[in-house]
């Protein structure tokens, strides 16, 4: 996965569950937040970085949450190009339903 992202010149915003997956500090592909522990409290800058990351991830998380309402996706067996078209159509329908 990391190699594919690097080749495509893309990156990903991820939650703390993927922390440590990408250890390339100079050219990270996966950006995660900072984790606090009992002995290590977050600085104001780290808290702000986590907030900015959460703001960037929120629309994607909401989109996935809405897509889970479409049961057809549980039985989807098609090539990625057709799946992308279907997902785009479902997102448009979901946005229309949410805006009502």
PDB file of N, CA and C in Angstrom:
ATOM      1  N   UNK A   1       0.824  -1.190   0.000  1.00  0.00           N
ATOM      2  CA  UNK A   1       0.000   0.000   0.000  1.00  0.00           C
ATOM      3  C   UNK A   1       0.874   1.261   0.000  1.00  0.00           C
ATOM      4  N   UNK A   2       1.877   1.292   0.850  1.00  0.00           N
ATOM      5  CA  UNK A   2       2.743   2.473   0.911  1.00  0.00           C
ATOM      6  C   UNK A   2       3.472   2.699  -0.406  1.00  0.00           C
ATOM      7  N   UNK A   3       3.941   1.628  -1.008  1.00  0.00           N
ATOM      8  CA  UNK A   3       4.666   1.761  -2.276  1.00  0.00           C
ATOM      9  C   UNK A   3       3.753   2.315  -3.364  1.00  0.00           C
ATOM     10  N   UNK A   4       2.514   1.858  -3.396  1.00  0.00           N
ATOM     11  CA  UNK A   4       1.567   2.347  -4.397  1.00  0.00           C
ATOM     12  C   UNK A   4       1.298   3.842  -4.214  1.00  0.00           C
ATOM     13  N   UNK A   5       1.150   4.269  -2.966  1.00  0.00           N
ATOM     14  CA  UNK A   5       0.923   5.690  -2.700  1.00  0.00           C
ATOM     15  C   UNK A   5       2.130   6.525  -3.122  1.00  0.00           C
ATOM     16  N   UNK A   6       3.324   6.041  -2.817  1.00  0.00           N
ATOM     17  CA  UNK A   6       4.534   6.779  -3.182  1.00  0.00           C
ATOM     18  C   UNK A   6       4.668   6.898  -4.698  1.00  0.00           C
ATOM     19  N   UNK A   7       4.425   5.800  -5.408  1.00  0.00           N
ATOM     20  CA  UNK A   7       4.538   5.822  -6.871  1.00  0.00           C
ATOM     21  C   UNK A   7       3.546   6.808  -7.467  1.00  0.00           C
ATOM     22  N   UNK A   8       2.339   6.848  -6.904  1.00  0.00           N
ATOM     23  CA  UNK A   8       1.305   7.741  -7.423  1.00  0.00           C
ATOM     24  C   UNK A   8       1.492   9.173  -6.941  1.00  0.00           C
ATOM     25  N   UNK A   9       2.404   9.390  -5.998  1.00  0.00           N
ATOM     26  CA  UNK A   9       2.616  10.724  -5.467  1.00  0.00           C
ATOM     27  C   UNK A   9       1.496  11.173  -4.547  1.00  0.00           C
ATOM     28  N   UNK A  10       0.837  10.219  -3.898  1.00  0.00           N
ATOM     29  CA  UNK A  10      -0.295  10.517  -3.019  1.00  0.00           C
ATOM     30  C   UNK A  10       0.076  10.300  -1.565  1.00  0.00           C
ATOM     31  N   UNK A  11      -0.774  10.759  -0.693  1.00  0.00           N
ATOM     32  CA  UNK A  11      -0.627  10.542   0.732  1.00  0.00           C
ATOM     33  C   UNK A  11      -1.972  10.234   1.339  1.00  0.00           C
ATOM     34  N   UNK A  12      -1.985   9.900   2.613  1.00  0.00           N
ATOM     35  CA  UNK A  12      -3.228   9.559   3.294  1.00  0.00           C
ATOM     36  C   UNK A  12      -3.215  10.140   4.700  1.00  0.00           C
ATOM     37  N   UNK A  13      -4.373  10.642   5.117  1.00  0.00           N
ATOM     38  CA  UNK A  13      -4.565  11.062   6.501  1.00  0.00           C
ATOM     39  C   UNK A  13      -5.189   9.885   7.227  1.00  0.00           C
ATOM     40  N   UNK A  14      -4.613   9.493   8.347  1.00  0.00           N
ATOM     41  CA  UNK A  14      -5.080   8.297   9.037  1.00  0.00           C
ATOM     42  C   UNK A  14      -5.240   8.564  10.522  1.00  0.00           C
ATOM     43  N   UNK A  15      -5.977   7.672  11.177  1.00  0.00           N
ATOM     44  CA  UNK A  15      -6.141   7.791  12.619  1.00  0.00           C
ATOM     45  C   UNK A  15      -4.950   7.124  13.323  1.00  0.00           C
ATOM     46  N   UNK A  16      -4.962   7.152  14.626  1.00  0.00           N
ATOM     47  CA  UNK A  16      -3.829   6.642  15.392  1.00  0.00           C
ATOM     48  C   UNK A  16      -3.659   5.137  15.260  1.00  0.00           C
ATOM     49  N   UNK A  17      -4.669   4.441  14.758  1.00  0.00           N
ATOM     50  CA  UNK A  17      -4.556   3.005  14.563  1.00  0.00           C
ATOM     51  C   UNK A  17      -3.497   2.625  13.548  1.00  0.00           C
ATOM     52  N   UNK A  18      -3.161   3.522  12.650  1.00  0.00           N
ATOM     53  CA  UNK A  18      -2.143   3.256  11.637  1.00  0.00           C
ATOM     54  C   UNK A  18      -0.796   3.884  11.982  1.00  0.00           C
ATOM     55  N   UNK A  19      -0.664   4.378  13.193  1.00  0.00           N
ATOM     56  CA  UNK A  19       0.588   4.983  13.621  1.00  0.00           C
ATOM     57  C   UNK A  19       1.700   3.934  13.600  1.00  0.00           C
ATOM     58  N   UNK A  20       2.822   4.286  13.062  1.00  0.00           N
ATOM     59  CA  UNK A  20       3.946   3.366  12.990  1.00  0.00           C
ATOM     60  C   UNK A  20       4.001   2.569  11.701  1.00  0.00           C
ATOM     61  N   UNK A  21       2.952   2.626  10.897  1.00  0.00           N
ATOM     62  CA  UNK A  21       2.950   1.897   9.627  1.00  0.00           C
ATOM     63  C   UNK A  21       3.955   2.501   8.654  1.00  0.00           C
ATOM     64  N   UNK A  22       4.055   3.815   8.655  1.00  0.00           N
ATOM     65  CA  UNK A  22       4.976   4.510   7.755  1.00  0.00           C
ATOM     66  C   UNK A  22       6.028   5.201   8.605  1.00  0.00           C
ATOM     67  N   UNK A  23       7.223   4.639   8.646  1.00  0.00           N
ATOM     68  CA  UNK A  23       8.284   5.177   9.494  1.00  0.00           C
ATOM     69  C   UNK A  23       9.258   6.090   8.755  1.00  0.00           C
ATOM     70  N   UNK A  24       8.932   6.467   7.518  1.00  0.00           N
ATOM     71  CA  UNK A  24       9.796   7.355   6.750  1.00  0.00           C
ATOM     72  C   UNK A  24       9.535   8.792   7.202  1.00  0.00           C
ATOM     73  N   UNK A  25      10.373   9.309   8.065  1.00  0.00           N
ATOM     74  CA  UNK A  25      10.167  10.633   8.657  1.00  0.00           C
ATOM     75  C   UNK A  25      10.369  11.742   7.630  1.00  0.00           C
ATOM     76  N   UNK A  26      11.275  11.552   6.684  1.00  0.00           N
ATOM     77  CA  UNK A  26      11.568  12.608   5.708  1.00  0.00           C
ATOM     78  C   UNK A  26      10.505  12.736   4.627  1.00  0.00           C
ATOM     79  N   UNK A  27       9.842  11.622   4.283  1.00  0.00           N
ATOM     80  CA  UNK A  27       8.834  11.650   3.224  1.00  0.00           C
ATOM     81  C   UNK A  27       7.659  10.745   3.617  1.00  0.00           C
ATOM     82  N   UNK A  28       6.889  11.146   4.611  1.00  0.00           N
ATOM     83  CA  UNK A  28       5.787  10.276   5.052  1.00  0.00           C
ATOM     84  C   UNK A  28       4.652  10.251   4.035  1.00  0.00           C
ATOM     85  N   UNK A  29       4.075   9.091   3.865  1.00  0.00           N
ATOM     86  CA  UNK A  29       2.930   8.926   2.986  1.00  0.00           C
ATOM     87  C   UNK A  29       1.656   8.899   3.823  1.00  0.00           C
ATOM     88  N   UNK A  30       1.745   8.318   4.990  1.00  0.00           N
ATOM     89  CA  UNK A  30       0.596   8.263   5.892  1.00  0.00           C
ATOM     90  C   UNK A  30       0.852   9.216   7.049  1.00  0.00           C
ATOM     91  N   UNK A  31      -0.066  10.158   7.222  1.00  0.00           N
ATOM     92  CA  UNK A  31       0.059  11.155   8.277  1.00  0.00           C
ATOM     93  C   UNK A  31      -0.930  10.810   9.383  1.00  0.00           C
ATOM     94  N   UNK A  32      -0.409  10.618  10.574  1.00  0.00           N
ATOM     95  CA  UNK A  32      -1.259  10.336  11.735  1.00  0.00           C
ATOM     96  C   UNK A  32      -1.033  11.419  12.779  1.00  0.00           C
ATOM     97  N   UNK A  33      -1.886  11.421  13.773  1.00  0.00           N
ATOM     98  CA  UNK A  33      -1.775  12.413  14.834  1.00  0.00           C
ATOM     99  C   UNK A  33      -0.777  11.996  15.898  1.00  0.00           C
ATOM    100  N   UNK A  34      -0.770  12.764  16.961  1.00  0.00           N
ATOM    101  CA  UNK A  34       0.099  12.498  18.099  1.00  0.00           C
ATOM    102  C   UNK A  34      -0.724  11.827  19.186  1.00  0.00           C
ATOM    103  N   UNK A  35      -0.106  10.880  19.890  1.00  0.00           N
ATOM    104  CA  UNK A  35      -0.788  10.172  20.971  1.00  0.00           C
ATOM    105  C   UNK A  35      -0.212  10.622  22.306  1.00  0.00           C
ATOM    106  N   UNK A  36      -1.099  10.843  23.247  1.00  0.00           N
ATOM    107  CA  UNK A  36      -0.680  11.203  24.601  1.00  0.00           C
ATOM    108  C   UNK A  36      -0.656   9.942  25.462  1.00  0.00           C
ATOM    109  N   UNK A  37       0.199   9.943  26.448  1.00  0.00           N
ATOM    110  CA  UNK A  37       0.239   8.859  27.428  1.00  0.00           C
ATOM    111  C   UNK A  37       0.146   9.483  28.815  1.00  0.00           C
ATOM    112  N   UNK A  38       0.146   8.632  29.791  1.00  0.00           N
ATOM    113  CA  UNK A  38       0.108   9.177  31.158  1.00  0.00           C
ATOM    114  C   UNK A  38       1.342  10.002  31.481  1.00  0.00           C
ATOM    115  N   UNK A  39       2.464   9.583  30.922  1.00  0.00           N
ATOM    116  CA  UNK A  39       3.714  10.277  31.231  1.00  0.00           C
ATOM    117  C   UNK A  39       4.079  11.344  30.198  1.00  0.00           C
ATOM    118  N   UNK A  40       3.440  11.314  29.049  1.00  0.00           N
ATOM    119  CA  UNK A  40       3.762  12.272  27.985  1.00  0.00           C
ATOM    120  C   UNK A  40       2.498  13.013  27.573  1.00  0.00           C
ATOM    121  N   UNK A  41       2.357  14.221  28.047  1.00  0.00           N
ATOM    122  CA  UNK A  41       1.208  15.049  27.677  1.00  0.00           C
ATOM    123  C   UNK A  41       1.513  15.744  26.359  1.00  0.00           C
ATOM    124  N   UNK A  42       0.476  16.014  25.599  1.00  0.00           N
ATOM    125  CA  UNK A  42       0.666  16.679  24.314  1.00  0.00           C
ATOM    126  C   UNK A  42       0.908  18.170  24.503  1.00  0.00           C
ATOM    127  N   UNK A  43       1.764  18.711  23.660  1.00  0.00           N
ATOM    128  CA  UNK A  43       1.999  20.148  23.681  1.00  0.00           C
ATOM    129  C   UNK A  43       0.841  20.837  22.963  1.00  0.00           C
ATOM    130  N   UNK A  44       0.778  22.145  23.072  1.00  0.00           N
ATOM    131  CA  UNK A  44      -0.282  22.896  22.385  1.00  0.00           C
ATOM    132  C   UNK A  44      -0.175  22.717  20.872  1.00  0.00           C
ATOM    133  N   UNK A  45       1.039  22.671  20.351  1.00  0.00           N
ATOM    134  CA  UNK A  45       1.249  22.472  18.922  1.00  0.00           C
ATOM    135  C   UNK A  45       0.786  21.096  18.460  1.00  0.00           C
ATOM    136  N   UNK A  46       1.055  20.075  19.270  1.00  0.00           N
ATOM    137  CA  UNK A  46       0.611  18.725  18.925  1.00  0.00           C
ATOM    138  C   UNK A  46      -0.912  18.620  18.965  1.00  0.00           C
ATOM    139  N   UNK A  47      -1.521  19.260  19.938  1.00  0.00           N
ATOM    140  CA  UNK A  47      -2.993  19.264  20.016  1.00  0.00           C
ATOM    141  C   UNK A  47      -3.591  19.961  18.796  1.00  0.00           C
ATOM    142  N   UNK A  48      -2.978  21.053  18.382  1.00  0.00           N
ATOM    143  CA  UNK A  48      -3.456  21.772  17.199  1.00  0.00           C
ATOM    144  C   UNK A  48      -3.279  20.925  15.943  1.00  0.00           C
ATOM    145  N   UNK A  49      -2.148  20.221  15.838  1.00  0.00           N
ATOM    146  CA  UNK A  49      -1.917  19.333  14.693  1.00  0.00           C
ATOM    147  C   UNK A  49      -2.976  18.227  14.659  1.00  0.00           C
ATOM    148  N   UNK A  50      -3.315  17.663  15.800  1.00  0.00           N
ATOM    149  CA  UNK A  50      -4.363  16.638  15.866  1.00  0.00           C
ATOM    150  C   UNK A  50      -5.711  17.213  15.448  1.00  0.00           C
ATOM    151  N   UNK A  51      -5.991  18.451  15.856  1.00  0.00           N
ATOM    152  CA  UNK A  51      -7.253  19.088  15.498  1.00  0.00           C
ATOM    153  C   UNK A  51      -7.356  19.302  13.988  1.00  0.00           C
ATOM    154  N   UNK A  52      -6.274  19.796  13.393  1.00  0.00           N
ATOM    155  CA  UNK A  52      -6.252  20.031  11.944  1.00  0.00           C
ATOM    156  C   UNK A  52      -6.414  18.711  11.190  1.00  0.00           C
ATOM    157  N   UNK A  53      -5.759  17.673  11.665  1.00  0.00           N
ATOM    158  CA  UNK A  53      -5.884  16.358  11.053  1.00  0.00           C
ATOM    159  C   UNK A  53      -7.325  15.851  11.147  1.00  0.00           C
ATOM    160  N   UNK A  54      -7.953  16.034  12.297  1.00  0.00           N
ATOM    161  CA  UNK A  54      -9.336  15.591  12.481  1.00  0.00           C
ATOM    162  C   UNK A  54     -10.285  16.350  11.561  1.00  0.00           C
ATOM    163  N   UNK A  55     -10.045  17.636  11.386  1.00  0.00           N
ATOM    164  CA  UNK A  55     -10.883  18.440  10.485  1.00  0.00           C
ATOM    165  C   UNK A  55     -10.755  17.924   9.050  1.00  0.00           C
ATOM    166  N   UNK A  56      -9.562  17.529   8.646  1.00  0.00           N
ATOM    167  CA  UNK A  56      -9.358  16.998   7.303  1.00  0.00           C
ATOM    168  C   UNK A  56      -9.969  15.626   7.097  1.00  0.00           C
ATOM    169  N   UNK A  57     -10.005  14.830   8.151  1.00  0.00           N
ATOM    170  CA  UNK A  57     -10.543  13.476   8.048  1.00  0.00           C
ATOM    171  C   UNK A  57     -12.052  13.411   8.224  1.00  0.00           C
ATOM    172  N   UNK A  58     -12.656  14.380   8.864  1.00  0.00           N
ATOM    173  CA  UNK A  58     -14.083  14.325   9.201  1.00  0.00           C
ATOM    174  C   UNK A  58     -14.995  14.120   7.990  1.00  0.00           C
ATOM    175  N   UNK A  59     -14.833  14.867   6.894  1.00  0.00           N
ATOM    176  CA  UNK A  59     -15.732  14.644   5.758  1.00  0.00           C
ATOM    177  C   UNK A  59     -15.638  13.227   5.184  1.00  0.00           C
ATOM    178  N   UNK A  60     -14.438  12.676   5.178  1.00  0.00           N
ATOM    179  CA  UNK A  60     -14.261  11.315   4.663  1.00  0.00           C
ATOM    180  C   UNK A  60     -14.954  10.319   5.582  1.00  0.00           C
ATOM    181  N   UNK A  61     -14.775  10.482   6.887  1.00  0.00           N
ATOM    182  CA  UNK A  61     -15.427   9.590   7.847  1.00  0.00           C
ATOM    183  C   UNK A  61     -16.946   9.673   7.732  1.00  0.00           C
ATOM    184  N   UNK A  62     -17.475  10.884   7.556  1.00  0.00           N
ATOM    185  CA  UNK A  62     -18.924  11.042   7.388  1.00  0.00           C
ATOM    186  C   UNK A  62     -19.390  10.385   6.097  1.00  0.00           C
ATOM    187  N   UNK A  63     -18.602  10.520   5.031  1.00  0.00           N
ATOM    188  CA  UNK A  63     -18.949   9.877   3.763  1.00  0.00           C
ATOM    189  C   UNK A  63     -19.009   8.369   3.896  1.00  0.00           C
ATOM    190  N   UNK A  64     -18.026   7.772   4.573  1.00  0.00           N
ATOM    191  CA  UNK A  64     -18.049   6.324   4.778  1.00  0.00           C
ATOM    192  C   UNK A  64     -19.231   5.912   5.643  1.00  0.00           C
ATOM    193  N   UNK A  65     -19.550   6.710   6.641  1.00  0.00           N
ATOM    194  CA  UNK A  65     -20.694   6.390   7.497  1.00  0.00           C
ATOM    195  C   UNK A  65     -21.986   6.381   6.691  1.00  0.00           C
ATOM    196  N   UNK A  66     -22.138   7.350   5.798  1.00  0.00           N
ATOM    197  CA  UNK A  66     -23.345   7.389   4.969  1.00  0.00           C
ATOM    198  C   UNK A  66     -23.373   6.238   3.971  1.00  0.00           C
ATOM    199  N   UNK A  67     -22.230   5.874   3.419  1.00  0.00           N
ATOM    200  CA  UNK A  67     -22.188   4.776   2.452  1.00  0.00           C
ATOM    201  C   UNK A  67     -22.554   3.442   3.089  1.00  0.00           C
ATOM    202  N   UNK A  68     -22.324   3.305   4.387  1.00  0.00           N
ATOM    203  CA  UNK A  68     -22.674   2.052   5.059  1.00  0.00           C
ATOM    204  C   UNK A  68     -24.178   1.817   5.079  1.00  0.00           C
ATOM    205  N   UNK A  69     -24.958   2.860   4.829  1.00  0.00           N
ATOM    206  CA  UNK A  69     -26.415   2.700   4.776  1.00  0.00           C
ATOM    207  C   UNK A  69     -26.875   2.013   3.491  1.00  0.00           C
ATOM    208  N   UNK A  70     -26.031   1.962   2.476  1.00  0.00           N
ATOM    209  CA  UNK A  70     -26.384   1.353   1.194  1.00  0.00           C
ATOM    210  C   UNK A  70     -25.993  -0.120   1.227  1.00  0.00           C
ATOM    211  N   UNK A  71     -26.981  -0.996   1.430  1.00  0.00           N
ATOM    212  CA  UNK A  71     -26.718  -2.432   1.553  1.00  0.00           C
ATOM    213  C   UNK A  71     -26.149  -3.055   0.280  1.00  0.00           C
ATOM    214  N   UNK A  72     -26.387  -2.429  -0.857  1.00  0.00           N
ATOM    215  CA  UNK A  72     -25.880  -2.984  -2.113  1.00  0.00           C
ATOM    216  C   UNK A  72     -24.360  -3.097  -2.093  1.00  0.00           C
ATOM    217  N   UNK A  73     -23.699  -2.258  -1.326  1.00  0.00           N
ATOM    218  CA  UNK A  73     -22.237  -2.280  -1.291  1.00  0.00           C
ATOM    219  C   UNK A  73     -21.699  -3.536  -0.612  1.00  0.00           C
ATOM    220  N   UNK A  74     -22.498  -4.202   0.222  1.00  0.00           N
ATOM    221  CA  UNK A  74     -22.029  -5.430   0.870  1.00  0.00           C
ATOM    222  C   UNK A  74     -21.925  -6.575  -0.126  1.00  0.00           C
ATOM    223  N   UNK A  75     -22.650  -6.476  -1.242  1.00  0.00           N
ATOM    224  CA  UNK A  75     -22.649  -7.540  -2.241  1.00  0.00           C
ATOM    225  C   UNK A  75     -21.952  -7.115  -3.531  1.00  0.00           C
ATOM    226  N   UNK A  76     -21.227  -6.040  -3.485  1.00  0.00           N
ATOM    227  CA  UNK A  76     -20.598  -5.493  -4.680  1.00  0.00           C
ATOM    228  C   UNK A  76     -19.421  -6.360  -5.117  1.00  0.00           C
ATOM    229  N   UNK A  77     -19.517  -6.908  -6.324  1.00  0.00           N
ATOM    230  CA  UNK A  77     -18.438  -7.700  -6.905  1.00  0.00           C
ATOM    231  C   UNK A  77     -18.245  -7.219  -8.333  1.00  0.00           C
ATOM    232  N   UNK A  78     -17.447  -6.191  -8.505  1.00  0.00           N
ATOM    233  CA  UNK A  78     -17.229  -5.620  -9.823  1.00  0.00           C
ATOM    234  C   UNK A  78     -15.830  -5.035  -9.909  1.00  0.00           C
ATOM    235  N   UNK A  79     -15.457  -4.581 -11.078  1.00  0.00           N
ATOM    236  CA  UNK A  79     -14.130  -3.995 -11.232  1.00  0.00           C
ATOM    237  C   UNK A  79     -14.108  -2.602 -10.589  1.00  0.00           C
ATOM    238  N   UNK A  80     -12.927  -2.123 -10.200  1.00  0.00           N
ATOM    239  CA  UNK A  80     -12.818  -0.849  -9.485  1.00  0.00           C
ATOM    240  C   UNK A  80     -13.400   0.353 -10.242  1.00  0.00           C
ATOM    241  N   UNK A  81     -13.305   0.371 -11.567  1.00  0.00           N
ATOM    242  CA  UNK A  81     -13.832   1.510 -12.327  1.00  0.00           C
ATOM    243  C   UNK A  81     -15.350   1.609 -12.169  1.00  0.00           C
ATOM    244  N   UNK A  82     -16.031   0.491 -12.263  1.00  0.00           N
ATOM    245  CA  UNK A  82     -17.492   0.500 -12.080  1.00  0.00           C
ATOM    246  C   UNK A  82     -17.861   0.804 -10.630  1.00  0.00           C
ATOM    247  N   UNK A  83     -17.074   0.285  -9.704  1.00  0.00           N
ATOM    248  CA  UNK A  83     -17.348   0.554  -8.292  1.00  0.00           C
ATOM    249  C   UNK A  83     -17.205   2.038  -7.994  1.00  0.00           C
ATOM    250  N   UNK A  84     -16.211   2.686  -8.605  1.00  0.00           N
ATOM    251  CA  UNK A  84     -16.016   4.117  -8.405  1.00  0.00           C
ATOM    252  C   UNK A  84     -17.217   4.896  -8.921  1.00  0.00           C
ATOM    253  N   UNK A  85     -17.728   4.529 -10.086  1.00  0.00           N
ATOM    254  CA  UNK A  85     -18.910   5.206 -10.630  1.00  0.00           C
ATOM    255  C   UNK A  85     -20.113   5.014  -9.710  1.00  0.00           C
ATOM    256  N   UNK A  86     -20.282   3.791  -9.203  1.00  0.00           N
ATOM    257  CA  UNK A  86     -21.401   3.513  -8.303  1.00  0.00           C
ATOM    258  C   UNK A  86     -21.266   4.314  -7.009  1.00  0.00           C
ATOM    259  N   UNK A  87     -20.069   4.365  -6.447  1.00  0.00           N
ATOM    260  CA  UNK A  87     -19.858   5.122  -5.210  1.00  0.00           C
ATOM    261  C   UNK A  87     -20.126   6.606  -5.417  1.00  0.00           C
ATOM    262  N   UNK A  88     -19.701   7.141  -6.535  1.00  0.00           N
ATOM    263  CA  UNK A  88     -19.965   8.556  -6.816  1.00  0.00           C
ATOM    264  C   UNK A  88     -21.463   8.820  -6.891  1.00  0.00           C
ATOM    265  N   UNK A  89     -22.182   7.938  -7.566  1.00  0.00           N
ATOM    266  CA  UNK A  89     -23.635   8.105  -7.673  1.00  0.00           C
ATOM    267  C   UNK A  89     -24.295   8.007  -6.302  1.00  0.00           C
ATOM    268  N   UNK A  90     -23.859   7.056  -5.485  1.00  0.00           N
ATOM    269  CA  UNK A  90     -24.438   6.911  -4.151  1.00  0.00           C
ATOM    270  C   UNK A  90     -24.126   8.120  -3.273  1.00  0.00           C
ATOM    271  N   UNK A  91     -22.933   8.677  -3.409  1.00  0.00           N
ATOM    272  CA  UNK A  91     -22.596   9.871  -2.625  1.00  0.00           C
ATOM    273  C   UNK A  91     -23.469  11.053  -3.033  1.00  0.00           C
ATOM    274  N   UNK A  92     -23.765  11.188  -4.319  1.00  0.00           N
ATOM    275  CA  UNK A  92     -24.655  12.260  -4.771  1.00  0.00           C
ATOM    276  C   UNK A  92     -26.044  12.051  -4.185  1.00  0.00           C
ATOM    277  N   UNK A  93     -26.540  10.818  -4.260  1.00  0.00           N
ATOM    278  CA  UNK A  93     -27.867  10.532  -3.695  1.00  0.00           C
ATOM    279  C   UNK A  93     -27.895  10.764  -2.193  1.00  0.00           C
ATOM    280  N   UNK A  94     -26.824  10.359  -1.511  1.00  0.00           N
ATOM    281  CA  UNK A  94     -26.751  10.565  -0.074  1.00  0.00           C
ATOM    282  C   UNK A  94     -26.737  12.041   0.270  1.00  0.00           C
ATOM    283  N   UNK A  95     -25.983  12.831  -0.483  1.00  0.00           N
ATOM    284  CA  UNK A  95     -25.912  14.273  -0.227  1.00  0.00           C
ATOM    285  C   UNK A  95     -27.290  14.904  -0.438  1.00  0.00           C
ATOM    286  N   UNK A  96     -27.998  14.471  -1.477  1.00  0.00           N
ATOM    287  CA  UNK A  96     -29.350  14.989  -1.730  1.00  0.00           C
ATOM    288  C   UNK A  96     -30.281  14.632  -0.565  1.00  0.00           C
ATOM    289  N   UNK A  97     -30.169  13.404  -0.078  1.00  0.00           N
ATOM    290  CA  UNK A  97     -31.029  12.970   1.032  1.00  0.00           C
ATOM    291  C   UNK A  97     -30.706  13.722   2.311  1.00  0.00           C
ATOM    292  N   UNK A  98     -29.417  13.976   2.567  1.00  0.00           N
ATOM    293  CA  UNK A  98     -29.008  14.678   3.782  1.00  0.00           C
ATOM    294  C   UNK A  98     -29.456  16.133   3.747  1.00  0.00           C
ATOM    295  N   UNK A  99     -29.389  16.734   2.558  1.00  0.00           N
ATOM    296  CA  UNK A  99     -29.749  18.151   2.433  1.00  0.00           C
ATOM    297  C   UNK A  99     -31.258  18.384   2.512  1.00  0.00           C
ATOM    298  N   UNK A 100     -32.057  17.342   2.380  1.00  0.00           N
ATOM    299  CA  UNK A 100     -33.527  17.522   2.474  1.00  0.00           C
ATOM    300  C   UNK A 100     -33.946  17.792   3.857  1.00  0.00           C
TER     301      UNK A 100
END
